[in-house]
């Protein structure tokens, strides 16, 4: 209801509480017009949805394949490498923001979708979830498939992944929400309005002298 009020009326009827508190006396769509014309919020919504979907799809692919290797292959340094994977989602992002910025800048990715998406594709928590799920599957599934001549890629795509829909759904939501709510890294990695995401755009409504609440 407040989004249909003029900015000056936002706090006008808060006390005492009456019907005017909940129903605007002067209905206006000025805030929405400003949002999608002057502020370009349509582009902002697209950026957030596109980056969140891309990071979710690539994150699920990379995370599930890495977890598949940890669960079904044995190689030197496996445990140490898995510990490193676990450490990655325990480190606060603020600690790696500056070196990550330097790396992305050296690669020439600044102010692009690549800069927003690629650093978040590897997710240690997603790898952990998939690996734990894969470890609970019966080894006879892969053994029977290998005896029948199936390749590891075929086992991954045709046998293992169809069985892990619950963890895929959970991990997908985890990645999507994390990217949708991301603020610091998109703020650091992008400069132009062309790649601005929703959280950064919302922060622009808070100015030095006030906030555009409507």
N, C-alpha and C. Protein backbone atom coordinates (compact mmCIF):
# COMPACT_ATOMS: atom_id res chain seq x y z
N UNK A 1 0.82 -1.21 0.00
CA UNK A 1 0.00 0.00 0.00
C UNK A 1 0.86 1.26 0.00
N UNK A 2 1.95 1.23 0.77
CA UNK A 2 2.81 2.42 0.86
C UNK A 2 3.49 2.73 -0.46
N UNK A 3 3.67 1.74 -1.32
CA UNK A 3 4.31 2.00 -2.60
C UNK A 3 3.40 2.80 -3.53
N UNK A 4 2.13 2.89 -3.20
CA UNK A 4 1.19 3.69 -3.99
C UNK A 4 0.94 5.06 -3.36
N UNK A 5 1.69 5.40 -2.32
CA UNK A 5 1.55 6.70 -1.67
C UNK A 5 2.61 7.67 -2.23
N UNK A 6 2.34 8.96 -2.16
CA UNK A 6 3.42 9.94 -2.38
C UNK A 6 4.45 9.80 -1.27
N UNK A 7 5.68 10.15 -1.56
CA UNK A 7 6.76 9.99 -0.58
C UNK A 7 6.48 10.74 0.71
N UNK A 8 5.84 11.90 0.62
CA UNK A 8 5.56 12.71 1.82
C UNK A 8 4.51 12.09 2.73
N UNK A 9 3.73 11.12 2.20
CA UNK A 9 2.66 10.51 3.00
C UNK A 9 3.06 9.20 3.67
N UNK A 10 4.29 8.76 3.48
CA UNK A 10 4.70 7.44 3.99
C UNK A 10 4.50 7.34 5.50
N UNK A 11 4.94 8.33 6.26
CA UNK A 11 4.86 8.28 7.72
C UNK A 11 3.79 9.21 8.29
N UNK A 12 2.97 9.75 7.42
CA UNK A 12 2.01 10.78 7.83
C UNK A 12 0.91 10.23 8.72
N UNK A 13 0.48 8.97 8.48
CA UNK A 13 -0.67 8.42 9.21
C UNK A 13 -0.28 7.24 10.10
N UNK A 14 0.96 7.21 10.55
CA UNK A 14 1.40 6.10 11.41
C UNK A 14 0.77 6.18 12.79
N UNK A 15 0.66 7.36 13.34
CA UNK A 15 0.10 7.52 14.68
C UNK A 15 -0.83 8.73 14.71
N UNK A 16 -2.08 8.53 15.20
CA UNK A 16 -2.66 7.27 15.66
C UNK A 16 -3.03 6.37 14.48
N UNK A 17 -3.17 5.07 14.74
CA UNK A 17 -3.50 4.12 13.68
C UNK A 17 -4.97 4.24 13.32
N UNK A 18 -5.22 4.53 12.05
CA UNK A 18 -6.58 4.61 11.52
C UNK A 18 -6.62 3.87 10.20
N UNK A 19 -7.75 3.94 9.50
CA UNK A 19 -7.84 3.28 8.21
C UNK A 19 -6.88 3.89 7.19
N UNK A 20 -6.50 5.18 7.41
CA UNK A 20 -5.55 5.83 6.50
C UNK A 20 -4.14 5.25 6.64
N UNK A 21 -3.88 4.58 7.76
CA UNK A 21 -2.58 3.94 7.95
C UNK A 21 -2.37 2.83 6.93
N UNK A 22 -3.45 2.16 6.54
CA UNK A 22 -3.36 1.00 5.67
C UNK A 22 -3.81 1.27 4.24
N UNK A 23 -4.66 2.27 4.04
CA UNK A 23 -5.20 2.58 2.72
C UNK A 23 -4.77 3.99 2.33
N UNK A 24 -4.08 4.15 1.18
CA UNK A 24 -3.63 5.48 0.77
C UNK A 24 -4.80 6.42 0.48
N UNK A 25 -4.68 7.65 0.91
CA UNK A 25 -5.70 8.66 0.61
C UNK A 25 -5.45 9.28 -0.76
N UNK A 26 -4.18 9.34 -1.16
CA UNK A 26 -3.81 9.82 -2.48
C UNK A 26 -3.05 8.71 -3.20
N UNK A 27 -3.74 8.01 -4.09
CA UNK A 27 -3.13 6.88 -4.81
C UNK A 27 -2.34 7.40 -6.01
N UNK A 28 -1.10 6.97 -6.12
CA UNK A 28 -0.25 7.37 -7.23
C UNK A 28 0.68 6.22 -7.61
N UNK A 29 0.97 6.12 -8.88
CA UNK A 29 1.92 5.10 -9.36
C UNK A 29 3.26 5.70 -9.68
N UNK A 30 3.52 6.88 -9.13
CA UNK A 30 4.76 7.60 -9.43
C UNK A 30 6.00 6.80 -9.07
N UNK A 31 5.95 6.08 -7.96
CA UNK A 31 7.12 5.31 -7.52
C UNK A 31 7.46 4.21 -8.54
N UNK A 32 6.43 3.55 -9.08
CA UNK A 32 6.67 2.47 -10.05
C UNK A 32 7.17 3.03 -11.38
N UNK A 33 6.61 4.16 -11.79
CA UNK A 33 7.07 4.81 -13.03
C UNK A 33 8.54 5.19 -12.90
N UNK A 34 8.89 5.79 -11.77
CA UNK A 34 10.28 6.18 -11.53
C UNK A 34 11.19 4.96 -11.47
N UNK A 35 10.69 3.90 -10.86
CA UNK A 35 11.47 2.68 -10.68
C UNK A 35 11.90 2.07 -12.00
N UNK A 36 10.95 1.97 -12.94
CA UNK A 36 11.23 1.25 -14.18
C UNK A 36 11.63 2.15 -15.34
N UNK A 37 11.51 3.46 -15.19
CA UNK A 37 11.93 4.37 -16.26
C UNK A 37 13.23 5.07 -15.90
N UNK A 38 13.20 5.86 -14.83
CA UNK A 38 14.39 6.60 -14.43
C UNK A 38 15.47 5.70 -13.84
N UNK A 39 15.05 4.70 -13.07
CA UNK A 39 16.01 3.83 -12.37
C UNK A 39 16.41 2.60 -13.16
N UNK A 40 15.68 2.28 -14.24
CA UNK A 40 16.00 1.11 -15.05
C UNK A 40 15.92 -0.20 -14.29
N UNK A 41 14.88 -0.34 -13.45
CA UNK A 41 14.80 -1.50 -12.58
C UNK A 41 14.50 -2.79 -13.34
N UNK A 42 13.93 -2.66 -14.54
CA UNK A 42 13.70 -3.85 -15.35
C UNK A 42 15.00 -4.53 -15.70
N UNK A 43 15.99 -3.75 -16.10
CA UNK A 43 17.31 -4.28 -16.40
C UNK A 43 17.97 -4.87 -15.16
N UNK A 44 17.76 -4.21 -14.03
CA UNK A 44 18.32 -4.69 -12.77
C UNK A 44 17.76 -6.06 -12.38
N UNK A 45 16.44 -6.22 -12.53
CA UNK A 45 15.81 -7.51 -12.24
C UNK A 45 16.34 -8.59 -13.16
N UNK A 46 16.50 -8.25 -14.43
CA UNK A 46 17.05 -9.22 -15.39
C UNK A 46 18.46 -9.63 -14.99
N UNK A 47 19.29 -8.65 -14.62
CA UNK A 47 20.67 -8.96 -14.22
C UNK A 47 20.70 -9.91 -13.05
N UNK A 48 19.88 -9.65 -12.04
CA UNK A 48 19.86 -10.51 -10.85
C UNK A 48 19.39 -11.91 -11.20
N UNK A 49 18.32 -12.00 -11.99
CA UNK A 49 17.78 -13.32 -12.35
C UNK A 49 18.76 -14.07 -13.23
N UNK A 50 19.37 -13.39 -14.19
CA UNK A 50 20.31 -14.05 -15.11
C UNK A 50 21.54 -14.56 -14.37
N UNK A 51 22.13 -13.71 -13.54
CA UNK A 51 23.34 -14.13 -12.82
C UNK A 51 23.04 -15.23 -11.81
N UNK A 52 21.88 -15.16 -11.14
CA UNK A 52 21.52 -16.19 -10.17
C UNK A 52 21.27 -17.53 -10.87
N UNK A 53 20.57 -17.51 -12.01
CA UNK A 53 20.30 -18.75 -12.75
C UNK A 53 21.59 -19.34 -13.31
N UNK A 54 22.44 -18.49 -13.89
CA UNK A 54 23.69 -18.98 -14.47
C UNK A 54 24.60 -19.57 -13.41
N UNK A 55 24.71 -18.88 -12.28
CA UNK A 55 25.56 -19.39 -11.21
C UNK A 55 24.98 -20.68 -10.63
N UNK A 56 23.66 -20.79 -10.57
CA UNK A 56 23.04 -22.01 -10.06
C UNK A 56 23.32 -23.19 -10.99
N UNK A 57 23.13 -23.01 -12.29
CA UNK A 57 23.32 -24.11 -13.25
C UNK A 57 24.78 -24.55 -13.30
N UNK A 58 25.70 -23.60 -13.45
CA UNK A 58 27.12 -23.96 -13.49
C UNK A 58 27.60 -24.47 -12.14
N UNK A 59 27.08 -23.90 -11.06
CA UNK A 59 27.46 -24.34 -9.72
C UNK A 59 27.04 -25.77 -9.45
N UNK A 60 25.83 -26.13 -9.88
CA UNK A 60 25.37 -27.51 -9.70
C UNK A 60 26.21 -28.47 -10.53
N UNK A 61 26.56 -28.07 -11.75
CA UNK A 61 27.37 -28.94 -12.61
C UNK A 61 28.76 -29.15 -12.03
N UNK A 62 29.43 -28.08 -11.68
CA UNK A 62 30.79 -28.18 -11.15
C UNK A 62 30.79 -28.86 -9.78
N UNK A 63 29.84 -28.49 -8.92
CA UNK A 63 29.78 -29.07 -7.58
C UNK A 63 29.49 -30.56 -7.60
N UNK A 64 28.55 -30.98 -8.43
CA UNK A 64 28.20 -32.41 -8.49
C UNK A 64 29.32 -33.23 -9.10
N UNK A 65 30.01 -32.69 -10.11
CA UNK A 65 31.11 -33.44 -10.73
C UNK A 65 32.30 -33.55 -9.78
N UNK A 66 32.57 -32.48 -9.04
CA UNK A 66 33.66 -32.54 -8.05
C UNK A 66 33.32 -33.54 -6.95
N UNK A 67 32.08 -33.51 -6.48
CA UNK A 67 31.65 -34.45 -5.44
C UNK A 67 31.68 -35.88 -5.95
N UNK A 68 31.35 -36.07 -7.22
CA UNK A 68 31.39 -37.41 -7.83
C UNK A 68 32.82 -37.96 -7.79
N UNK A 69 33.79 -37.09 -8.09
CA UNK A 69 35.19 -37.52 -8.05
C UNK A 69 35.61 -37.88 -6.62
N UNK A 70 35.21 -37.07 -5.65
CA UNK A 70 35.56 -37.35 -4.26
C UNK A 70 34.91 -38.63 -3.76
N UNK A 71 33.70 -38.92 -4.21
CA UNK A 71 32.95 -40.06 -3.69
C UNK A 71 33.33 -41.39 -4.34
N UNK A 72 33.67 -41.38 -5.62
CA UNK A 72 33.84 -42.64 -6.35
C UNK A 72 35.26 -42.91 -6.82
N UNK A 73 36.15 -41.92 -6.74
CA UNK A 73 37.53 -42.14 -7.14
C UNK A 73 38.45 -42.06 -5.93
N UNK A 74 39.53 -42.78 -5.98
CA UNK A 74 40.55 -42.71 -4.94
C UNK A 74 41.84 -42.20 -5.58
N UNK A 75 42.40 -41.14 -5.02
CA UNK A 75 43.61 -40.55 -5.57
C UNK A 75 44.43 -39.95 -4.45
N UNK A 76 45.69 -39.72 -4.73
CA UNK A 76 46.60 -39.20 -3.72
C UNK A 76 46.19 -37.77 -3.33
N UNK A 77 46.17 -37.53 -2.03
CA UNK A 77 45.81 -36.21 -1.53
C UNK A 77 44.32 -35.94 -1.51
N UNK A 78 43.52 -36.99 -1.64
CA UNK A 78 42.07 -36.82 -1.68
C UNK A 78 41.54 -36.17 -0.42
N UNK A 79 41.93 -36.68 0.73
CA UNK A 79 41.42 -36.15 1.99
C UNK A 79 41.86 -34.70 2.22
N UNK A 80 43.13 -34.42 1.92
CA UNK A 80 43.63 -33.06 2.10
C UNK A 80 42.89 -32.09 1.19
N UNK A 81 42.61 -32.52 -0.03
CA UNK A 81 41.91 -31.65 -0.97
C UNK A 81 40.47 -31.40 -0.52
N UNK A 82 39.85 -32.44 0.04
CA UNK A 82 38.48 -32.28 0.52
C UNK A 82 38.42 -31.34 1.72
N UNK A 83 39.44 -31.39 2.56
CA UNK A 83 39.53 -30.46 3.69
C UNK A 83 39.63 -29.02 3.18
N UNK A 84 40.40 -28.83 2.13
CA UNK A 84 40.50 -27.49 1.53
C UNK A 84 39.15 -27.02 1.00
N UNK A 85 38.40 -27.95 0.42
CA UNK A 85 37.06 -27.61 -0.08
C UNK A 85 36.17 -27.17 1.08
N UNK A 86 36.25 -27.87 2.20
CA UNK A 86 35.44 -27.50 3.37
C UNK A 86 35.84 -26.14 3.91
N UNK A 87 37.14 -25.85 3.87
CA UNK A 87 37.63 -24.57 4.39
C UNK A 87 37.10 -23.41 3.57
N UNK A 88 36.88 -23.62 2.28
CA UNK A 88 36.47 -22.53 1.40
C UNK A 88 35.16 -21.89 1.82
N UNK A 89 34.21 -22.68 2.37
CA UNK A 89 32.96 -22.05 2.77
C UNK A 89 32.94 -21.68 4.25
N UNK A 90 34.08 -21.80 4.91
CA UNK A 90 34.20 -21.33 6.29
C UNK A 90 34.90 -19.97 6.37
N UNK A 91 35.57 -19.58 5.29
CA UNK A 91 36.31 -18.31 5.29
C UNK A 91 35.36 -17.17 4.94
N UNK A 92 35.30 -16.11 5.74
CA UNK A 92 34.46 -14.96 5.41
C UNK A 92 34.87 -14.34 4.08
N UNK A 93 33.89 -13.92 3.31
CA UNK A 93 34.18 -13.37 1.98
C UNK A 93 35.06 -12.13 2.08
N UNK A 94 34.90 -11.34 3.14
CA UNK A 94 35.68 -10.11 3.29
C UNK A 94 37.19 -10.38 3.25
N UNK A 95 37.61 -11.59 3.65
CA UNK A 95 39.03 -11.91 3.68
C UNK A 95 39.61 -12.10 2.29
N UNK A 96 38.77 -12.51 1.34
CA UNK A 96 39.29 -12.79 0.00
C UNK A 96 38.84 -11.75 -1.02
N UNK A 97 38.11 -10.74 -0.60
CA UNK A 97 37.55 -9.77 -1.53
C UNK A 97 38.65 -9.04 -2.31
N UNK A 98 39.69 -8.58 -1.63
CA UNK A 98 40.75 -7.81 -2.29
C UNK A 98 41.56 -8.68 -3.26
N UNK A 99 42.08 -9.85 -2.84
CA UNK A 99 42.80 -10.69 -3.81
C UNK A 99 41.91 -11.16 -4.95
N UNK A 100 40.63 -11.41 -4.67
CA UNK A 100 39.72 -11.81 -5.74
C UNK A 100 39.52 -10.68 -6.74
N UNK A 101 39.41 -9.46 -6.23
CA UNK A 101 39.30 -8.29 -7.11
C UNK A 101 40.53 -8.17 -7.99
N UNK A 102 41.72 -8.34 -7.42
CA UNK A 102 42.96 -8.24 -8.19
C UNK A 102 43.02 -9.29 -9.29
N UNK A 103 42.59 -10.51 -8.95
CA UNK A 103 42.61 -11.61 -9.92
C UNK A 103 41.64 -11.34 -11.07
N UNK A 104 40.43 -10.95 -10.74
CA UNK A 104 39.42 -10.68 -11.77
C UNK A 104 39.84 -9.50 -12.63
N UNK A 105 40.46 -8.50 -12.02
CA UNK A 105 40.92 -7.34 -12.78
C UNK A 105 42.04 -7.73 -13.75
N UNK A 106 42.96 -8.60 -13.30
CA UNK A 106 44.04 -9.06 -14.17
C UNK A 106 43.52 -9.87 -15.35
N UNK A 107 42.42 -10.59 -15.14
CA UNK A 107 41.82 -11.38 -16.21
C UNK A 107 40.99 -10.53 -17.17
N UNK A 108 40.78 -9.26 -16.82
CA UNK A 108 40.02 -8.38 -17.69
C UNK A 108 38.53 -8.61 -17.64
N UNK A 109 38.04 -9.12 -16.52
CA UNK A 109 36.61 -9.45 -16.40
C UNK A 109 35.80 -8.37 -15.71
N UNK A 110 36.43 -7.33 -15.22
CA UNK A 110 35.70 -6.34 -14.42
C UNK A 110 34.55 -5.74 -15.21
N UNK A 111 33.47 -5.45 -14.49
CA UNK A 111 32.28 -4.84 -15.06
C UNK A 111 31.69 -5.70 -16.17
N UNK A 112 31.42 -6.97 -15.82
CA UNK A 112 30.83 -7.91 -16.77
C UNK A 112 30.07 -8.98 -16.00
N UNK A 113 29.24 -9.72 -16.73
CA UNK A 113 28.54 -10.84 -16.10
C UNK A 113 29.53 -11.90 -15.62
N UNK A 114 30.60 -12.06 -16.36
CA UNK A 114 31.62 -13.06 -15.99
C UNK A 114 32.18 -12.77 -14.61
N UNK A 115 32.43 -11.50 -14.33
CA UNK A 115 33.00 -11.12 -13.03
C UNK A 115 32.05 -11.46 -11.89
N UNK A 116 30.75 -11.37 -12.12
CA UNK A 116 29.77 -11.65 -11.07
C UNK A 116 29.57 -13.15 -10.89
N UNK A 117 29.54 -13.89 -12.01
CA UNK A 117 29.14 -15.30 -11.98
C UNK A 117 30.27 -16.25 -11.62
N UNK A 118 31.41 -16.13 -12.33
CA UNK A 118 32.46 -17.14 -12.24
C UNK A 118 33.01 -17.35 -10.83
N UNK A 119 33.32 -16.28 -10.06
CA UNK A 119 33.89 -16.52 -8.73
C UNK A 119 32.98 -17.30 -7.79
N UNK A 120 31.67 -17.30 -8.04
CA UNK A 120 30.75 -18.00 -7.15
C UNK A 120 30.37 -19.40 -7.59
N UNK A 121 30.92 -19.85 -8.73
CA UNK A 121 30.53 -21.17 -9.25
C UNK A 121 31.00 -22.28 -8.31
N UNK A 122 32.26 -22.18 -7.87
CA UNK A 122 32.77 -23.19 -6.93
C UNK A 122 32.18 -22.90 -5.56
N UNK A 123 31.45 -23.85 -5.02
CA UNK A 123 30.81 -23.70 -3.72
C UNK A 123 31.12 -24.93 -2.88
N UNK A 124 31.93 -24.74 -1.85
CA UNK A 124 32.35 -25.87 -1.02
C UNK A 124 31.20 -26.57 -0.34
N UNK A 125 30.19 -25.82 0.07
CA UNK A 125 29.04 -26.42 0.75
C UNK A 125 28.26 -27.32 -0.20
N UNK A 126 28.12 -26.90 -1.46
CA UNK A 126 27.41 -27.71 -2.46
C UNK A 126 28.17 -29.02 -2.71
N UNK A 127 29.48 -28.92 -2.84
CA UNK A 127 30.30 -30.13 -3.03
C UNK A 127 30.14 -31.06 -1.84
N UNK A 128 30.14 -30.51 -0.65
CA UNK A 128 29.98 -31.31 0.56
C UNK A 128 28.62 -32.02 0.58
N UNK A 129 27.54 -31.31 0.25
CA UNK A 129 26.21 -31.91 0.24
C UNK A 129 26.12 -33.06 -0.76
N UNK A 130 26.63 -32.82 -1.96
CA UNK A 130 26.60 -33.87 -2.98
C UNK A 130 27.44 -35.08 -2.57
N UNK A 131 28.63 -34.82 -2.06
CA UNK A 131 29.52 -35.93 -1.69
C UNK A 131 28.87 -36.80 -0.61
N UNK A 132 28.28 -36.17 0.40
CA UNK A 132 27.66 -36.95 1.46
C UNK A 132 26.49 -37.78 0.92
N UNK A 133 25.76 -37.23 -0.03
CA UNK A 133 24.66 -37.97 -0.62
C UNK A 133 25.18 -39.14 -1.46
N UNK A 134 26.24 -38.89 -2.24
CA UNK A 134 26.82 -39.95 -3.08
C UNK A 134 27.38 -41.08 -2.23
N UNK A 135 27.95 -40.74 -1.08
CA UNK A 135 28.55 -41.76 -0.21
C UNK A 135 27.52 -42.73 0.34
N UNK A 136 26.25 -42.29 0.40
CA UNK A 136 25.19 -43.14 0.92
C UNK A 136 24.60 -44.08 -0.13
N UNK A 137 24.94 -43.85 -1.39
CA UNK A 137 24.44 -44.74 -2.45
C UNK A 137 25.19 -46.06 -2.43
N UNK A 138 24.51 -47.11 -2.85
CA UNK A 138 25.12 -48.44 -2.85
C UNK A 138 26.21 -48.54 -3.92
N UNK A 139 27.40 -49.04 -3.56
CA UNK A 139 28.47 -49.20 -4.55
C UNK A 139 28.10 -50.15 -5.68
N UNK A 140 27.13 -51.04 -5.43
CA UNK A 140 26.73 -52.01 -6.45
C UNK A 140 26.18 -51.33 -7.70
N UNK A 141 25.64 -50.12 -7.55
CA UNK A 141 25.11 -49.39 -8.70
C UNK A 141 26.20 -49.10 -9.73
N UNK A 142 27.29 -48.53 -9.25
CA UNK A 142 28.39 -48.20 -10.16
C UNK A 142 29.13 -49.45 -10.62
N UNK A 143 29.26 -50.44 -9.73
CA UNK A 143 29.96 -51.68 -10.11
C UNK A 143 29.23 -52.41 -11.22
N UNK A 144 27.91 -52.49 -11.11
CA UNK A 144 27.12 -53.16 -12.14
C UNK A 144 27.20 -52.41 -13.47
N UNK A 145 27.17 -51.08 -13.38
CA UNK A 145 27.25 -50.27 -14.61
C UNK A 145 28.62 -50.41 -15.26
N UNK A 146 29.68 -50.46 -14.47
CA UNK A 146 31.02 -50.63 -15.03
C UNK A 146 31.18 -52.00 -15.69
N UNK A 147 30.58 -53.02 -15.07
CA UNK A 147 30.64 -54.36 -15.66
C UNK A 147 29.90 -54.42 -16.99
N UNK A 148 28.86 -53.61 -17.12
CA UNK A 148 28.10 -53.56 -18.37
C UNK A 148 28.76 -52.67 -19.42
N UNK A 149 29.90 -52.08 -19.07
CA UNK A 149 30.66 -51.29 -20.03
C UNK A 149 30.33 -49.81 -20.05
N UNK A 150 29.61 -49.33 -19.06
CA UNK A 150 29.25 -47.91 -19.02
C UNK A 150 30.46 -47.07 -18.62
N UNK A 151 30.61 -45.92 -19.25
CA UNK A 151 31.69 -45.00 -18.89
C UNK A 151 31.32 -44.26 -17.62
N UNK A 152 32.34 -43.66 -17.00
CA UNK A 152 32.07 -42.90 -15.77
C UNK A 152 31.14 -41.73 -16.04
N UNK A 153 31.27 -41.09 -17.21
CA UNK A 153 30.39 -39.97 -17.54
C UNK A 153 28.95 -40.44 -17.69
N UNK A 154 28.76 -41.60 -18.29
CA UNK A 154 27.41 -42.15 -18.44
C UNK A 154 26.82 -42.52 -17.08
N UNK A 155 27.65 -43.08 -16.21
CA UNK A 155 27.20 -43.40 -14.85
C UNK A 155 26.76 -42.14 -14.12
N UNK A 156 27.55 -41.08 -14.28
CA UNK A 156 27.25 -39.80 -13.63
C UNK A 156 25.92 -39.22 -14.13
N UNK A 157 25.73 -39.21 -15.44
CA UNK A 157 24.55 -38.56 -16.02
C UNK A 157 23.30 -39.42 -15.97
N UNK A 158 23.43 -40.73 -16.17
CA UNK A 158 22.26 -41.59 -16.32
C UNK A 158 21.84 -42.33 -15.05
N UNK A 159 22.79 -42.51 -14.12
CA UNK A 159 22.48 -43.30 -12.92
C UNK A 159 22.51 -42.45 -11.65
N UNK A 160 23.62 -41.76 -11.43
CA UNK A 160 23.82 -41.05 -10.17
C UNK A 160 22.97 -39.80 -10.06
N UNK A 161 23.05 -38.91 -11.06
CA UNK A 161 22.34 -37.64 -10.97
C UNK A 161 20.81 -37.79 -10.89
N UNK A 162 20.20 -38.71 -11.64
CA UNK A 162 18.74 -38.88 -11.49
C UNK A 162 18.31 -39.31 -10.09
N UNK A 163 19.23 -39.90 -9.32
CA UNK A 163 18.89 -40.36 -7.98
C UNK A 163 19.01 -39.25 -6.92
N UNK A 164 19.66 -38.15 -7.28
CA UNK A 164 19.93 -37.13 -6.25
C UNK A 164 19.14 -35.85 -6.50
N UNK A 165 17.89 -36.00 -6.88
CA UNK A 165 17.03 -34.82 -7.09
C UNK A 165 16.83 -34.00 -5.82
N UNK A 166 16.67 -34.63 -4.65
CA UNK A 166 16.50 -33.82 -3.42
C UNK A 166 17.69 -32.91 -3.12
N UNK A 167 18.90 -33.46 -3.22
CA UNK A 167 20.07 -32.63 -2.91
C UNK A 167 20.30 -31.60 -4.02
N UNK A 168 19.94 -31.94 -5.25
CA UNK A 168 20.06 -30.98 -6.35
C UNK A 168 19.13 -29.79 -6.13
N UNK A 169 17.91 -30.08 -5.71
CA UNK A 169 16.95 -29.01 -5.42
C UNK A 169 17.44 -28.13 -4.27
N UNK A 170 17.91 -28.76 -3.21
CA UNK A 170 18.40 -28.01 -2.05
C UNK A 170 19.61 -27.15 -2.41
N UNK A 171 20.57 -27.76 -3.11
CA UNK A 171 21.78 -27.03 -3.49
C UNK A 171 21.45 -25.92 -4.48
N UNK A 172 20.52 -26.18 -5.40
CA UNK A 172 20.13 -25.16 -6.37
C UNK A 172 19.51 -23.95 -5.70
N UNK A 173 18.63 -24.19 -4.75
CA UNK A 173 18.02 -23.08 -4.01
C UNK A 173 19.06 -22.32 -3.20
N UNK A 174 19.99 -23.05 -2.62
CA UNK A 174 21.05 -22.43 -1.83
C UNK A 174 21.87 -21.47 -2.69
N UNK A 175 22.28 -21.93 -3.88
CA UNK A 175 23.08 -21.10 -4.77
C UNK A 175 22.28 -19.90 -5.27
N UNK A 176 21.03 -20.16 -5.68
CA UNK A 176 20.21 -19.09 -6.25
C UNK A 176 19.96 -17.97 -5.24
N UNK A 177 19.57 -18.35 -4.03
CA UNK A 177 19.28 -17.34 -3.00
C UNK A 177 20.54 -16.59 -2.61
N UNK A 178 21.65 -17.31 -2.53
CA UNK A 178 22.92 -16.66 -2.17
C UNK A 178 23.30 -15.61 -3.20
N UNK A 179 23.16 -15.94 -4.48
CA UNK A 179 23.51 -14.98 -5.52
C UNK A 179 22.50 -13.84 -5.59
N UNK A 180 21.21 -14.17 -5.40
CA UNK A 180 20.18 -13.13 -5.46
C UNK A 180 20.38 -12.09 -4.36
N UNK A 181 20.84 -12.54 -3.20
CA UNK A 181 21.04 -11.64 -2.06
C UNK A 181 22.44 -11.04 -2.01
N UNK A 182 23.29 -11.42 -2.96
CA UNK A 182 24.68 -10.95 -2.95
C UNK A 182 24.74 -9.44 -3.15
N UNK A 183 25.53 -8.78 -2.33
CA UNK A 183 25.66 -7.33 -2.41
C UNK A 183 27.11 -6.89 -2.58
N UNK A 184 27.98 -7.34 -1.71
CA UNK A 184 29.34 -6.82 -1.69
C UNK A 184 30.09 -7.09 -2.99
N UNK A 185 30.08 -8.37 -3.46
CA UNK A 185 30.88 -8.68 -4.64
C UNK A 185 30.34 -8.01 -5.90
N UNK A 186 29.03 -8.02 -6.18
CA UNK A 186 28.55 -7.26 -7.35
C UNK A 186 28.88 -5.78 -7.26
N UNK A 187 28.88 -5.22 -6.05
CA UNK A 187 29.23 -3.81 -5.87
C UNK A 187 30.69 -3.57 -6.22
N UNK A 188 31.55 -4.53 -5.86
CA UNK A 188 32.98 -4.40 -6.14
C UNK A 188 33.29 -4.66 -7.61
N UNK A 189 32.63 -5.67 -8.18
CA UNK A 189 33.01 -6.17 -9.51
C UNK A 189 32.40 -5.39 -10.66
N UNK A 190 31.38 -4.59 -10.41
CA UNK A 190 30.72 -3.85 -11.49
C UNK A 190 30.73 -2.36 -11.20
N UNK A 191 30.75 -1.58 -12.28
CA UNK A 191 30.78 -0.12 -12.13
C UNK A 191 29.60 0.54 -12.83
N UNK A 192 29.16 -0.02 -13.94
CA UNK A 192 28.12 0.61 -14.75
C UNK A 192 26.73 0.09 -14.37
N UNK A 193 25.72 0.87 -14.74
CA UNK A 193 24.34 0.47 -14.47
C UNK A 193 23.92 -0.74 -15.30
N UNK A 194 24.66 -1.03 -16.37
CA UNK A 194 24.32 -2.14 -17.26
C UNK A 194 24.36 -3.48 -16.54
N UNK A 195 25.23 -3.61 -15.53
CA UNK A 195 25.38 -4.88 -14.82
C UNK A 195 24.96 -4.80 -13.35
N UNK A 196 24.27 -3.75 -12.99
CA UNK A 196 23.85 -3.57 -11.60
C UNK A 196 22.79 -4.61 -11.22
N UNK A 197 22.94 -5.23 -10.04
CA UNK A 197 21.98 -6.23 -9.56
C UNK A 197 21.05 -5.60 -8.53
N UNK A 198 20.05 -6.34 -8.13
CA UNK A 198 18.94 -5.78 -7.36
C UNK A 198 19.37 -5.26 -5.99
N UNK A 199 20.28 -5.97 -5.31
CA UNK A 199 20.67 -5.53 -3.98
C UNK A 199 21.44 -4.21 -4.03
N UNK A 200 22.28 -4.06 -5.05
CA UNK A 200 23.03 -2.81 -5.21
C UNK A 200 22.08 -1.68 -5.59
N UNK A 201 21.10 -1.98 -6.45
CA UNK A 201 20.14 -0.96 -6.87
C UNK A 201 19.28 -0.51 -5.70
N UNK A 202 18.88 -1.42 -4.84
CA UNK A 202 18.07 -1.05 -3.67
C UNK A 202 18.84 -0.15 -2.73
N UNK A 203 20.14 -0.38 -2.62
CA UNK A 203 20.94 0.47 -1.72
C UNK A 203 21.04 1.89 -2.24
N UNK A 204 20.83 2.07 -3.56
CA UNK A 204 20.90 3.42 -4.13
C UNK A 204 19.73 4.30 -3.68
N UNK A 205 18.65 3.68 -3.20
CA UNK A 205 17.50 4.46 -2.75
C UNK A 205 17.74 5.12 -1.40
N UNK A 206 18.82 4.75 -0.75
CA UNK A 206 19.21 5.41 0.50
C UNK A 206 20.26 6.46 0.18
N UNK A 207 19.91 7.70 0.34
CA UNK A 207 20.80 8.81 0.00
C UNK A 207 21.36 9.44 1.27
N UNK A 208 22.17 10.47 1.10
CA UNK A 208 22.78 11.15 2.24
C UNK A 208 21.73 11.86 3.08
N UNK A 209 20.65 12.32 2.45
CA UNK A 209 19.67 13.14 3.16
C UNK A 209 18.34 12.43 3.41
N UNK A 210 18.17 11.24 2.90
CA UNK A 210 16.89 10.55 3.11
C UNK A 210 16.84 9.23 2.37
N UNK A 211 15.68 8.58 2.47
CA UNK A 211 15.47 7.29 1.80
C UNK A 211 14.16 7.34 1.03
N UNK A 212 14.18 6.82 -0.20
CA UNK A 212 12.97 6.77 -1.01
C UNK A 212 12.15 5.54 -0.60
N UNK A 213 11.39 5.66 0.48
CA UNK A 213 10.71 4.51 1.04
C UNK A 213 9.62 3.96 0.10
N UNK A 214 8.96 4.82 -0.61
CA UNK A 214 7.90 4.31 -1.49
C UNK A 214 8.46 3.61 -2.71
